[in-house]
């Protein structure tokens, strides 16, 4: 471990990572970005499903690179006797195990919590799944979008009389990774204070339900009087809070409480402040069609979205233009905060990825953290951690216990 690594916040912690795609890899990527040594176990011969997800250039996936920067790849036949023994040996050398198989799979591999705790009583083990490890739906296969539909999110997106809409980003996976990271870090802190290792059961369904800031409490407390529903481009219970069509694009405008007065003044329509249709939030919701016509009419009358936004900004009205991905990357605030960073991959070259949202005053730098090739660190891990010699490692390769591949090979 070099001096730079020694200076990182999680230096000295080692993680055994059995995850793929997004939710689990988010946990371990964030830990790698904070200096932890992450050993990514990839199931031979193909490894993480993310190797096949776009964008792919000459066999190398930018998707995989983004999610697995800073990790070491160990590609292994986990069902072979030799492979299972290697993993059991590694359990004794790590602080954290993160897995995202379907419930029960890790146990059938001989690596369930009871087994790993027997080897390493201080270990923190985190299982990530769509629905949790137990319960009537626990064994259903699931992805972010599946948990989102069950969690009542998808049903709130789209036009009231039409089909729900499909989101184009895995925010539930990323959020679940963030919640799982919080749980892992809390468990490590508890261990540092003298507590035992422990098992963490994190599900996407729980995370999605946690995101209902209004829905669940409103439906329950109101006895069903206030039930969340799809309302297209406008919020079902607050107004104005929605998407409004400008001259060339769309604006999100949120004006709650006294901000309604600010919005009316910014639009130079102070008479709307006391309009019976708009006198308070409830009446504005009841007259949402009239409200949308009024605001969009003002946007059309101004005739220029930039000028309309200037007036809203001057009036301290919360708003945002609806940006494309390309426009968001170029946003001055994004550039100032370096929220998107340019990385270099030996095979793909330079490209942009989201930067870590975690910021620490004592650790302001962002190390380059290259992503591994499939099985790139087989020899290093077995030699340095388990004491295998070259002959033993070669024999495991010949038996198919270990696999290794570079793009294009």
Foldseek 3Di string as FASTA:
>chain_A
DDPVLVLFDLAPAEEEEADAQFQRLLQVVVSLQRRYAYEYEFEPDPGHPQQVDDDDDLSGHPSQFQSFFRYHFFYFNLQDPVLLVVVLLCLLVHAEYEHEDQAPPCVVSVRDPVSSCVSPWQHAYEYEYAPWNDDDCSRPHDDLQRLCVVLCNQQQAAAQPDHRDDDDDSVLSNQQSVVRNVVVVVQVVCVVVPDIHDYHITHSNVSSNVPCPCAPCVCVVVVNPDHRGHHYFCGQQFPPAGWADAQPFIKGFDQADCSVCLVCVLLVNNVLCCPPCPVHGVSCSVVVVVVRCVVRVSRVVVPDVVVSVVSCVVSVTDMDTDDDPVVVCVPPVCVVVVQKPWAQEPPPGIDIHGDDPDDDPSDHDGDRRGGDFHNNCNPVCCCVSVNDDPVVSVVCVVVVRTYGDDRPD
